[in-house]
Amino acid sequence: MTILKRILNNKKGGWEKKLLALISLAHMASKESIEVLEAYYKNPDPEMKEYAKLALDEAKYLAKA
């Protein structure tokens, strides 16, 4: 979890790694992963905003299932 959070918060990181981190966090659908996604969604990289929203929505949906 910590590694994924670091990937998202690294402003020099590539979008490909961030996208994979978002997907991984979304599929975990745990309380902690949702908190990480919510924090990132509040201040995402501009090109990742839509992906951050989709990942957050997916995690919340899967957590309810």
Protein backbone atom coordinates (compact mmCIF):
# COMPACT_ATOMS: atom_id res chain seq x y z
CA MET A 1 0.00 0.00 0.00
CA THR A 2 2.76 2.42 0.95
CA ILE A 3 4.57 1.88 -2.35
CA LEU A 4 1.42 2.65 -4.32
CA LYS A 5 0.87 5.80 -2.29
CA ARG A 6 4.47 6.90 -2.97
CA ILE A 7 4.02 6.31 -6.69
CA LEU A 8 0.94 8.54 -6.74
CA ASN A 9 2.58 11.30 -4.72
CA ASN A 10 5.77 11.35 -6.80
CA LYS A 11 5.35 14.43 -9.01
CA LYS A 12 8.17 13.23 -11.28
CA GLY A 13 6.65 9.78 -11.77
CA GLY A 14 5.30 8.67 -15.11
CA TRP A 15 1.59 8.45 -15.83
CA GLU A 16 1.86 4.74 -16.67
CA LYS A 17 3.03 3.85 -13.17
CA LYS A 18 0.38 6.11 -11.63
CA LEU A 19 -2.33 4.49 -13.72
CA LEU A 20 -1.25 1.03 -12.58
CA ALA A 21 -1.20 2.24 -8.96
CA LEU A 22 -4.74 3.63 -9.33
CA ILE A 23 -5.98 0.36 -10.82
CA SER A 24 -4.34 -1.68 -8.07
CA LEU A 25 -5.78 0.50 -5.32
CA ALA A 26 -9.24 0.41 -6.90
CA HIS A 27 -9.24 -3.39 -7.05
CA MET A 28 -8.13 -3.69 -3.42
CA ALA A 29 -11.30 -1.83 -2.40
CA SER A 30 -10.19 -1.69 1.23
CA LYS A 31 -10.82 1.16 3.62
CA GLU A 32 -7.14 2.12 3.44
CA SER A 33 -6.99 2.03 -0.36
CA ILE A 34 -10.11 4.20 -0.59
CA GLU A 35 -8.51 6.72 1.78
CA VAL A 36 -5.39 6.83 -0.41
CA LEU A 37 -7.53 7.31 -3.52
CA GLU A 38 -9.58 10.06 -1.87
CA ALA A 39 -6.42 11.90 -0.82
CA TYR A 40 -4.96 11.65 -4.33
CA TYR A 41 -8.23 12.72 -5.95
CA LYS A 42 -8.16 15.97 -3.97
CA ASN A 43 -4.82 16.94 -5.55
CA PRO A 44 -4.10 14.76 -8.58
CA ASP A 45 -1.75 15.35 -11.46
CA PRO A 46 -3.85 17.24 -14.04
CA GLU A 47 -3.70 14.43 -16.62
CA MET A 48 -4.70 11.85 -13.99
CA LYS A 49 -7.81 13.55 -12.58
CA GLU A 50 -10.34 11.52 -14.57
CA TYR A 51 -8.51 8.26 -13.84
CA ALA A 52 -8.38 9.13 -10.15
CA LYS A 53 -12.15 9.68 -10.12
CA LEU A 54 -12.82 6.40 -11.93
CA ALA A 55 -10.53 4.47 -9.56
CA LEU A 56 -12.18 6.01 -6.51
CA ASP A 57 -15.68 5.24 -7.79
CA GLU A 58 -14.69 1.66 -8.63
CA ALA A 59 -13.13 1.08 -5.21
CA LYS A 60 -16.25 2.36 -3.45
CA TYR A 61 -18.46 0.20 -5.64
CA LEU A 62 -16.39 -2.94 -5.04
CA ALA A 63 -16.25 -2.27 -1.30
CA LYS A 64 -20.05 -2.38 -1.17
CA ALA A 65 -20.25 -5.69 -3.05
